[in-house]
Amino acid sequence: MAQTFDDLVGLQLEADEAHTRVLELRDAFGRPASGPWSEEQTAAYEEAWRQWRERAWKTQAAVTAFAKDENRPRYEVEADLRKRARHPEPQAA
């Protein structure tokens, strides 16, 4: 199924949110190698990491397909996507 650029932005935002969750847990629990974690902490971190990895993979696959469909260099699509997702233009009032 063809993706629009706005679809890609949504996927990137989901991946970024999942990454933020991983960072939040790492900040709360400490780095994985810094000390022992409880089973619950380990499970929460591994689940957050899995979700981030899956969302990032899905985003990257969609970027590749979009670039191919649009006959554009992949790196340009990815750069435009990250700019739009992470630094959106202000909404007109």
PDB file of N, CA and C in Angstrom:
ATOM      1  N   MET A   1       0.844  -1.186   0.000  1.00  0.00           N
ATOM      2  CA  MET A   1       0.000   0.000   0.000  1.00  0.00           C
ATOM      3  C   MET A   1       0.883   1.241   0.000  1.00  0.00           C
ATOM      4  N   ALA A   2       0.564   2.173  -0.862  1.00  0.00           N
ATOM      5  CA  ALA A   2       1.352   3.395  -0.971  1.00  0.00           C
ATOM      6  C   ALA A   2       1.133   4.278   0.254  1.00  0.00           C
ATOM      7  N   GLN A   3       2.212   4.880   0.690  1.00  0.00           N
ATOM      8  CA  GLN A   3       2.181   5.781   1.839  1.00  0.00           C
ATOM      9  C   GLN A   3       2.254   7.219   1.327  1.00  0.00           C
ATOM     10  N   THR A   4       1.601   8.116   2.020  1.00  0.00           N
ATOM     11  CA  THR A   4       1.794   9.530   1.735  1.00  0.00           C
ATOM     12  C   THR A   4       2.900  10.042   2.649  1.00  0.00           C
ATOM     13  N   PHE A   5       3.395  11.230   2.346  1.00  0.00           N
ATOM     14  CA  PHE A   5       4.430  11.796   3.203  1.00  0.00           C
ATOM     15  C   PHE A   5       3.882  12.030   4.607  1.00  0.00           C
ATOM     16  N   ASP A   6       2.623  12.430   4.707  1.00  0.00           N
ATOM     17  CA  ASP A   6       2.009  12.617   6.030  1.00  0.00           C
ATOM     18  C   ASP A   6       1.938  11.301   6.808  1.00  0.00           C
ATOM     19  N   ASP A   7       1.724  10.189   6.099  1.00  0.00           N
ATOM     20  CA  ASP A   7       1.766   8.874   6.759  1.00  0.00           C
ATOM     21  C   ASP A   7       3.150   8.621   7.336  1.00  0.00           C
ATOM     22  N   LEU A   8       4.182   8.970   6.568  1.00  0.00           N
ATOM     23  CA  LEU A   8       5.555   8.796   7.046  1.00  0.00           C
ATOM     24  C   LEU A   8       5.808   9.637   8.289  1.00  0.00           C
ATOM     25  N   VAL A   9       5.298  10.854   8.296  1.00  0.00           N
ATOM     26  CA  VAL A   9       5.471  11.722   9.464  1.00  0.00           C
ATOM     27  C   VAL A   9       4.835  11.067  10.688  1.00  0.00           C
ATOM     28  N   GLY A  10       3.648  10.516  10.526  1.00  0.00           N
ATOM     29  CA  GLY A  10       2.997   9.832  11.638  1.00  0.00           C
ATOM     30  C   GLY A  10       3.815   8.658  12.151  1.00  0.00           C
ATOM     31  N   LEU A  11       4.375   7.878  11.233  1.00  0.00           N
ATOM     32  CA  LEU A  11       5.221   6.753  11.636  1.00  0.00           C
ATOM     33  C   LEU A  11       6.462   7.233  12.373  1.00  0.00           C
ATOM     34  N   GLN A  12       7.076   8.308  11.875  1.00  0.00           N
ATOM     35  CA  GLN A  12       8.279   8.835  12.525  1.00  0.00           C
ATOM     36  C   GLN A  12       7.957   9.343  13.923  1.00  0.00           C
ATOM     37  N   LEU A  13       6.825  10.005  14.071  1.00  0.00           N
ATOM     38  CA  LEU A  13       6.431  10.498  15.393  1.00  0.00           C
ATOM     39  C   LEU A  13       6.206   9.342  16.368  1.00  0.00           C
ATOM     40  N   GLU A  14       5.597   8.256  15.885  1.00  0.00           N
ATOM     41  CA  GLU A  14       5.412   7.080  16.740  1.00  0.00           C
ATOM     42  C   GLU A  14       6.754   6.492  17.162  1.00  0.00           C
ATOM     43  N   ALA A  15       7.689   6.404  16.224  1.00  0.00           N
ATOM     44  CA  ALA A  15       9.021   5.876  16.550  1.00  0.00           C
ATOM     45  C   ALA A  15       9.733   6.790  17.542  1.00  0.00           C
ATOM     46  N   ASP A  16       9.618   8.094  17.336  1.00  0.00           N
ATOM     47  CA  ASP A  16      10.254   9.041  18.256  1.00  0.00           C
ATOM     48  C   ASP A  16       9.659   8.940  19.663  1.00  0.00           C
ATOM     49  N   GLU A  17       8.329   8.767  19.748  1.00  0.00           N
ATOM     50  CA  GLU A  17       7.683   8.614  21.057  1.00  0.00           C
ATOM     51  C   GLU A  17       8.159   7.343  21.751  1.00  0.00           C
ATOM     52  N   ALA A  18       8.295   6.263  20.988  1.00  0.00           N
ATOM     53  CA  ALA A  18       8.776   5.006  21.564  1.00  0.00           C
ATOM     54  C   ALA A  18      10.215   5.160  22.048  1.00  0.00           C
ATOM     55  N   HIS A  19      11.025   5.893  21.301  1.00  0.00           N
ATOM     56  CA  HIS A  19      12.411   6.126  21.715  1.00  0.00           C
ATOM     57  C   HIS A  19      12.451   6.963  22.989  1.00  0.00           C
ATOM     58  N   THR A  20      11.595   7.948  23.075  1.00  0.00           N
ATOM     59  CA  THR A  20      11.516   8.771  24.284  1.00  0.00           C
ATOM     60  C   THR A  20      11.186   7.909  25.494  1.00  0.00           C
ATOM     61  N   ARG A  21      10.300   6.931  25.320  1.00  0.00           N
ATOM     62  CA  ARG A  21       9.948   6.031  26.427  1.00  0.00           C
ATOM     63  C   ARG A  21      11.164   5.221  26.877  1.00  0.00           C
ATOM     64  N   VAL A  22      11.962   4.734  25.933  1.00  0.00           N
ATOM     65  CA  VAL A  22      13.185   3.998  26.276  1.00  0.00           C
ATOM     66  C   VAL A  22      14.110   4.892  27.090  1.00  0.00           C
ATOM     67  N   LEU A  23      14.285   6.129  26.651  1.00  0.00           N
ATOM     68  CA  LEU A  23      15.167   7.056  27.363  1.00  0.00           C
ATOM     69  C   LEU A  23      14.638   7.378  28.756  1.00  0.00           C
ATOM     70  N   GLU A  24      13.318   7.537  28.872  1.00  0.00           N
ATOM     71  CA  GLU A  24      12.724   7.803  30.186  1.00  0.00           C
ATOM     72  C   GLU A  24      12.983   6.649  31.152  1.00  0.00           C
ATOM     73  N   LEU A  25      12.813   5.430  30.670  1.00  0.00           N
ATOM     74  CA  LEU A  25      13.057   4.268  31.527  1.00  0.00           C
ATOM     75  C   LEU A  25      14.529   4.157  31.893  1.00  0.00           C
ATOM     76  N   ARG A  26      15.402   4.416  30.935  1.00  0.00           N
ATOM     77  CA  ARG A  26      16.836   4.359  31.230  1.00  0.00           C
ATOM     78  C   ARG A  26      17.202   5.404  32.276  1.00  0.00           C
ATOM     79  N   ASP A  27      16.620   6.592  32.162  1.00  0.00           N
ATOM     80  CA  ASP A  27      16.884   7.627  33.162  1.00  0.00           C
ATOM     81  C   ASP A  27      16.341   7.222  34.534  1.00  0.00           C
ATOM     82  N   ALA A  28      15.181   6.588  34.550  1.00  0.00           N
ATOM     83  CA  ALA A  28      14.569   6.181  35.816  1.00  0.00           C
ATOM     84  C   ALA A  28      15.301   5.000  36.458  1.00  0.00           C
ATOM     85  N   PHE A  29      15.738   4.045  35.643  1.00  0.00           N
ATOM     86  CA  PHE A  29      16.345   2.820  36.172  1.00  0.00           C
ATOM     87  C   PHE A  29      17.865   2.874  36.210  1.00  0.00           C
ATOM     88  N   GLY A  30      18.467   3.806  35.498  1.00  0.00           N
ATOM     89  CA  GLY A  30      19.916   3.796  35.302  1.00  0.00           C
ATOM     90  C   GLY A  30      20.239   2.991  34.053  1.00  0.00           C
ATOM     91  N   ARG A  31      21.449   3.118  33.572  1.00  0.00           N
ATOM     92  CA  ARG A  31      21.849   2.361  32.380  1.00  0.00           C
ATOM     93  C   ARG A  31      21.802   0.866  32.685  1.00  0.00           C
ATOM     94  N   PRO A  32      21.521   0.051  31.668  1.00  0.00           N
ATOM     95  CA  PRO A  32      21.384  -1.388  31.905  1.00  0.00           C
ATOM     96  C   PRO A  32      22.587  -2.029  32.594  1.00  0.00           C
ATOM     97  N   ALA A  33      23.778  -1.588  32.293  1.00  0.00           N
ATOM     98  CA  ALA A  33      24.972  -2.212  32.875  1.00  0.00           C
ATOM     99  C   ALA A  33      25.418  -1.553  34.181  1.00  0.00           C
ATOM    100  N   SER A  34      24.704  -0.513  34.625  1.00  0.00           N
ATOM    101  CA  SER A  34      25.155   0.227  35.809  1.00  0.00           C
ATOM    102  C   SER A  34      24.809  -0.462  37.128  1.00  0.00           C
ATOM    103  N   GLY A  35      23.884  -1.376  37.096  1.00  0.00           N
ATOM    104  CA  GLY A  35      23.505  -2.075  38.322  1.00  0.00           C
ATOM    105  C   GLY A  35      22.362  -3.022  38.050  1.00  0.00           C
ATOM    106  N   PRO A  36      22.054  -3.879  39.000  1.00  0.00           N
ATOM    107  CA  PRO A  36      20.987  -4.857  38.763  1.00  0.00           C
ATOM    108  C   PRO A  36      19.606  -4.193  38.718  1.00  0.00           C
ATOM    109  N   TRP A  37      18.790  -4.664  37.807  1.00  0.00           N
ATOM    110  CA  TRP A  37      17.404  -4.226  37.706  1.00  0.00           C
ATOM    111  C   TRP A  37      16.508  -5.349  38.210  1.00  0.00           C
ATOM    112  N   SER A  38      15.325  -4.976  38.669  1.00  0.00           N
ATOM    113  CA  SER A  38      14.336  -5.989  39.035  1.00  0.00           C
ATOM    114  C   SER A  38      13.800  -6.634  37.749  1.00  0.00           C
ATOM    115  N   GLU A  39      13.118  -7.752  37.912  1.00  0.00           N
ATOM    116  CA  GLU A  39      12.513  -8.407  36.748  1.00  0.00           C
ATOM    117  C   GLU A  39      11.501  -7.489  36.074  1.00  0.00           C
ATOM    118  N   GLU A  40      10.753  -6.727  36.877  1.00  0.00           N
ATOM    119  CA  GLU A  40       9.754  -5.815  36.327  1.00  0.00           C
ATOM    120  C   GLU A  40      10.420  -4.697  35.529  1.00  0.00           C
ATOM    121  N   GLN A  41      11.516  -4.162  36.052  1.00  0.00           N
ATOM    122  CA  GLN A  41      12.238  -3.117  35.334  1.00  0.00           C
ATOM    123  C   GLN A  41      12.790  -3.658  34.018  1.00  0.00           C
ATOM    124  N   THR A  42      13.380  -4.833  34.086  1.00  0.00           N
ATOM    125  CA  THR A  42      13.937  -5.450  32.879  1.00  0.00           C
ATOM    126  C   THR A  42      12.848  -5.681  31.840  1.00  0.00           C
ATOM    127  N   ALA A  43      11.715  -6.205  32.267  1.00  0.00           N
ATOM    128  CA  ALA A  43      10.610  -6.472  31.342  1.00  0.00           C
ATOM    129  C   ALA A  43      10.084  -5.178  30.729  1.00  0.00           C
ATOM    130  N   ALA A  44       9.931  -4.136  31.534  1.00  0.00           N
ATOM    131  CA  ALA A  44       9.435  -2.853  31.027  1.00  0.00           C
ATOM    132  C   ALA A  44      10.402  -2.262  30.009  1.00  0.00           C
ATOM    133  N   TYR A  45      11.695  -2.315  30.320  1.00  0.00           N
ATOM    134  CA  TYR A  45      12.707  -1.765  29.416  1.00  0.00           C
ATOM    135  C   TYR A  45      12.758  -2.558  28.113  1.00  0.00           C
ATOM    136  N   GLU A  46      12.753  -3.882  28.225  1.00  0.00           N
ATOM    137  CA  GLU A  46      12.802  -4.711  27.019  1.00  0.00           C
ATOM    138  C   GLU A  46      11.578  -4.499  26.138  1.00  0.00           C
ATOM    139  N   GLU A  47      10.408  -4.329  26.739  1.00  0.00           N
ATOM    140  CA  GLU A  47       9.193  -4.071  25.966  1.00  0.00           C
ATOM    141  C   GLU A  47       9.267  -2.707  25.278  1.00  0.00           C
ATOM    142  N   ALA A  48       9.725  -1.706  25.993  1.00  0.00           N
ATOM    143  CA  ALA A  48       9.871  -0.377  25.390  1.00  0.00           C
ATOM    144  C   ALA A  48      10.882  -0.419  24.246  1.00  0.00           C
ATOM    145  N   TRP A  49      11.984  -1.121  24.471  1.00  0.00           N
ATOM    146  CA  TRP A  49      13.016  -1.252  23.432  1.00  0.00           C
ATOM    147  C   TRP A  49      12.450  -1.967  22.208  1.00  0.00           C
ATOM    148  N   ARG A  50      11.668  -3.033  22.417  1.00  0.00           N
ATOM    149  CA  ARG A  50      11.060  -3.788  21.317  1.00  0.00           C
ATOM    150  C   ARG A  50      10.109  -2.907  20.518  1.00  0.00           C
ATOM    151  N   GLN A  51       9.285  -2.136  21.226  1.00  0.00           N
ATOM    152  CA  GLN A  51       8.345  -1.261  20.532  1.00  0.00           C
ATOM    153  C   GLN A  51       9.076  -0.206  19.709  1.00  0.00           C
ATOM    154  N   TRP A  52      10.126   0.364  20.276  1.00  0.00           N
ATOM    155  CA  TRP A  52      10.907   1.355  19.534  1.00  0.00           C
ATOM    156  C   TRP A  52      11.516   0.726  18.290  1.00  0.00           C
ATOM    157  N   ARG A  53      12.136  -0.434  18.457  1.00  0.00           N
ATOM    158  CA  ARG A  53      12.796  -1.113  17.337  1.00  0.00           C
ATOM    159  C   ARG A  53      11.789  -1.434  16.233  1.00  0.00           C
ATOM    160  N   GLU A  54      10.619  -1.943  16.595  1.00  0.00           N
ATOM    161  CA  GLU A  54       9.602  -2.285  15.597  1.00  0.00           C
ATOM    162  C   GLU A  54       9.083  -1.047  14.872  1.00  0.00           C
ATOM    163  N   ARG A  55       8.848   0.008  15.620  1.00  0.00           N
ATOM    164  CA  ARG A  55       8.343   1.233  14.985  1.00  0.00           C
ATOM    165  C   ARG A  55       9.402   1.876  14.099  1.00  0.00           C
ATOM    166  N   ALA A  56      10.640   1.850  14.541  1.00  0.00           N
ATOM    167  CA  ALA A  56      11.724   2.399  13.723  1.00  0.00           C
ATOM    168  C   ALA A  56      11.891   1.579  12.447  1.00  0.00           C
ATOM    169  N   TRP A  57      11.816   0.255  12.558  1.00  0.00           N
ATOM    170  CA  TRP A  57      11.931  -0.603  11.383  1.00  0.00           C
ATOM    171  C   TRP A  57      10.800  -0.313  10.402  1.00  0.00           C
ATOM    172  N   LYS A  58       9.581  -0.207  10.910  1.00  0.00           N
ATOM    173  CA  LYS A  58       8.424   0.067  10.055  1.00  0.00           C
ATOM    174  C   LYS A  58       8.587   1.415   9.355  1.00  0.00           C
ATOM    175  N   THR A  59       9.069   2.401  10.079  1.00  0.00           N
ATOM    176  CA  THR A  59       9.297   3.722   9.494  1.00  0.00           C
ATOM    177  C   THR A  59      10.350   3.657   8.404  1.00  0.00           C
ATOM    178  N   GLN A  60      11.463   2.996   8.683  1.00  0.00           N
ATOM    179  CA  GLN A  60      12.539   2.909   7.699  1.00  0.00           C
ATOM    180  C   GLN A  60      12.090   2.166   6.441  1.00  0.00           C
ATOM    181  N   ALA A  61      11.327   1.104   6.603  1.00  0.00           N
ATOM    182  CA  ALA A  61      10.814   0.369   5.446  1.00  0.00           C
ATOM    183  C   ALA A  61       9.877   1.248   4.618  1.00  0.00           C
ATOM    184  N   ALA A  62       9.038   2.021   5.286  1.00  0.00           N
ATOM    185  CA  ALA A  62       8.119   2.911   4.581  1.00  0.00           C
ATOM    186  C   ALA A  62       8.875   4.019   3.855  1.00  0.00           C
ATOM    187  N   VAL A  63       9.937   4.533   4.464  1.00  0.00           N
ATOM    188  CA  VAL A  63      10.760   5.564   3.814  1.00  0.00           C
ATOM    189  C   VAL A  63      11.380   4.998   2.544  1.00  0.00           C
ATOM    190  N   THR A  64      11.909   3.796   2.623  1.00  0.00           N
ATOM    191  CA  THR A  64      12.519   3.163   1.456  1.00  0.00           C
ATOM    192  C   THR A  64      11.500   2.997   0.334  1.00  0.00           C
ATOM    193  N   ALA A  65      10.317   2.498   0.661  1.00  0.00           N
ATOM    194  CA  ALA A  65       9.272   2.302  -0.347  1.00  0.00           C
ATOM    195  C   ALA A  65       8.815   3.632  -0.934  1.00  0.00           C
ATOM    196  N   PHE A  66       8.640   4.632  -0.084  1.00  0.00           N
ATOM    197  CA  PHE A  66       8.205   5.947  -0.549  1.00  0.00           C
ATOM    198  C   PHE A  66       9.239   6.546  -1.497  1.00  0.00           C
ATOM    199  N   ALA A  67      10.500   6.476  -1.124  1.00  0.00           N
ATOM    200  CA  ALA A  67      11.562   7.027  -1.972  1.00  0.00           C
ATOM    201  C   ALA A  67      11.576   6.333  -3.329  1.00  0.00           C
ATOM    202  N   LYS A  68      11.403   5.028  -3.321  1.00  0.00           N
ATOM    203  CA  LYS A  68      11.380   4.281  -4.580  1.00  0.00           C
ATOM    204  C   LYS A  68      10.179   4.694  -5.420  1.00  0.00           C
ATOM    205  N   ASP A  69       8.997   4.763  -4.798  1.00  0.00           N
ATOM    206  CA  ASP A  69       7.777   5.142  -5.520  1.00  0.00           C
ATOM    207  C   ASP A  69       7.863   6.554  -6.091  1.00  0.00           C
ATOM    208  N   GLU A  70       8.512   7.451  -5.371  1.00  0.00           N
ATOM    209  CA  GLU A  70       8.621   8.850  -5.791  1.00  0.00           C
ATOM    210  C   GLU A  70       9.870   9.116  -6.628  1.00  0.00           C
ATOM    211  N   ASN A  71      10.687   8.065  -6.828  1.00  0.00           N
ATOM    212  CA  ASN A  71      11.937   8.187  -7.584  1.00  0.00           C
ATOM    213  C   ASN A  71      12.823   9.296  -7.014  1.00  0.00           C
ATOM    214  N   ARG A  72      12.974   9.255  -5.688  1.00  0.00           N
ATOM    215  CA  ARG A  72      13.803  10.236  -4.984  1.00  0.00           C
ATOM    216  C   ARG A  72      14.883   9.501  -4.211  1.00  0.00           C
ATOM    217  N   PRO A  73      16.016  10.152  -3.994  1.00  0.00           N
ATOM    218  CA  PRO A  73      17.035   9.525  -3.152  1.00  0.00           C
ATOM    219  C   PRO A  73      16.483   9.314  -1.733  1.00  0.00           C
ATOM    220  N   ARG A  74      16.752   8.143  -1.190  1.00  0.00           N
ATOM    221  CA  ARG A  74      16.235   7.797   0.130  1.00  0.00           C
ATOM    222  C   ARG A  74      16.695   8.781   1.194  1.00  0.00           C
ATOM    223  N   TYR A  75      17.966   9.186   1.123  1.00  0.00           N
ATOM    224  CA  TYR A  75      18.492  10.093   2.148  1.00  0.00           C
ATOM    225  C   TYR A  75      17.754  11.429   2.137  1.00  0.00           C
ATOM    226  N   GLU A  76      17.295  11.879   0.954  1.00  0.00           N
ATOM    227  CA  GLU A  76      16.533  13.135   0.890  1.00  0.00           C
ATOM    228  C   GLU A  76      15.173  12.974   1.565  1.00  0.00           C
ATOM    229  N   VAL A  77      14.512  11.867   1.285  1.00  0.00           N
ATOM    230  CA  VAL A  77      13.207  11.612   1.903  1.00  0.00           C
ATOM    231  C   VAL A  77      13.359  11.547   3.416  1.00  0.00           C
ATOM    232  N   GLU A  78      14.381  10.825   3.877  1.00  0.00           N
ATOM    233  CA  GLU A  78      14.585  10.697   5.321  1.00  0.00           C
ATOM    234  C   GLU A  78      14.903  12.044   5.960  1.00  0.00           C
ATOM    235  N   ALA A  79      15.719  12.858   5.306  1.00  0.00           N
ATOM    236  CA  ALA A  79      16.052  14.183   5.849  1.00  0.00           C
ATOM    237  C   ALA A  79      14.808  15.068   5.910  1.00  0.00           C
ATOM    238  N   ASP A  80      14.007  15.057   4.840  1.00  0.00           N
ATOM    239  CA  ASP A  80      12.769  15.847   4.832  1.00  0.00           C
ATOM    240  C   ASP A  80      11.812  15.364   5.921  1.00  0.00           C
ATOM    241  N   LEU A  81      11.740  14.057   6.083  1.00  0.00           N
ATOM    242  CA  LEU A  81      10.855  13.478   7.091  1.00  0.00           C
ATOM    243  C   LEU A  81      11.262  13.894   8.497  1.00  0.00           C
ATOM    244  N   ARG A  82      12.523  13.755   8.806  1.00  0.00           N
ATOM    245  CA  ARG A  82      12.981  14.118  10.157  1.00  0.00           C
ATOM    246  C   ARG A  82      12.781  15.609  10.423  1.00  0.00           C
ATOM    247  N   LYS A  83      13.019  16.421   9.406  1.00  0.00           N
ATOM    248  CA  LYS A  83      12.811  17.863   9.577  1.00  0.00           C
ATOM    249  C   LYS A  83      11.339  18.151   9.864  1.00  0.00           C
ATOM    250  N   ARG A  84      10.440  17.560   9.084  1.00  0.00           N
ATOM    251  CA  ARG A  84       9.013  17.813   9.243  1.00  0.00           C
ATOM    252  C   ARG A  84       8.492  17.264  10.561  1.00  0.00           C
ATOM    253  N   ALA A  85       8.960  16.075  10.953  1.00  0.00           N
ATOM    254  CA  ALA A  85       8.461  15.441  12.179  1.00  0.00           C
ATOM    255  C   ALA A  85       9.010  16.108  13.431  1.00  0.00           C
ATOM    256  N   ARG A  86      10.247  16.545  13.381  1.00  0.00           N
ATOM    257  CA  ARG A  86      10.897  17.062  14.588  1.00  0.00           C
ATOM    258  C   ARG A  86      10.917  18.578  14.671  1.00  0.00           C
ATOM    259  N   HIS A  87      10.682  19.243  13.556  1.00  0.00           N
ATOM    260  CA  HIS A  87      10.679  20.709  13.530  1.00  0.00           C
ATOM    261  C   HIS A  87       9.527  21.188  12.647  1.00  0.00           C
ATOM    262  N   PRO A  88       8.294  20.908  13.055  1.00  0.00           N
ATOM    263  CA  PRO A  88       7.151  21.266  12.208  1.00  0.00           C
ATOM    264  C   PRO A  88       7.000  22.773  12.062  1.00  0.00           C
ATOM    265  N   GLU A  89       6.438  23.152  10.928  1.00  0.00           N
ATOM    266  CA  GLU A  89       6.142  24.561  10.687  1.00  0.00           C
ATOM    267  C   GLU A  89       5.013  24.989  11.622  1.00  0.00           C
ATOM    268  N   PRO A  90       5.065  26.223  12.114  1.00  0.00           N
ATOM    269  CA  PRO A  90       3.971  26.699  12.976  1.00  0.00           C
ATOM    270  C   PRO A  90       2.648  26.720  12.205  1.00  0.00           C
ATOM    271  N   GLN A  91       1.571  26.382  12.894  1.00  0.00           N
ATOM    272  CA  GLN A  91       0.242  26.406  12.293  1.00  0.00           C
ATOM    273  C   GLN A  91      -0.226  27.844  12.130  1.00  0.00           C
ATOM    274  N   ALA A  92      -0.869  28.133  11.007  1.00  0.00           N
ATOM    275  CA  ALA A  92      -1.429  29.466  10.780  1.00  0.00           C
ATOM    276  C   ALA A  92      -2.650  29.645  11.682  1.00  0.00           C
ATOM    277  N   ALA A  93      -2.806  30.832  12.228  1.00  0.00           N
ATOM    278  CA  ALA A  93      -3.921  31.093  13.147  1.00  0.00           C
ATOM    279  C   ALA A  93      -5.205  31.336  12.424  1.00  0.00           C
TER     280      ALA A  93
END
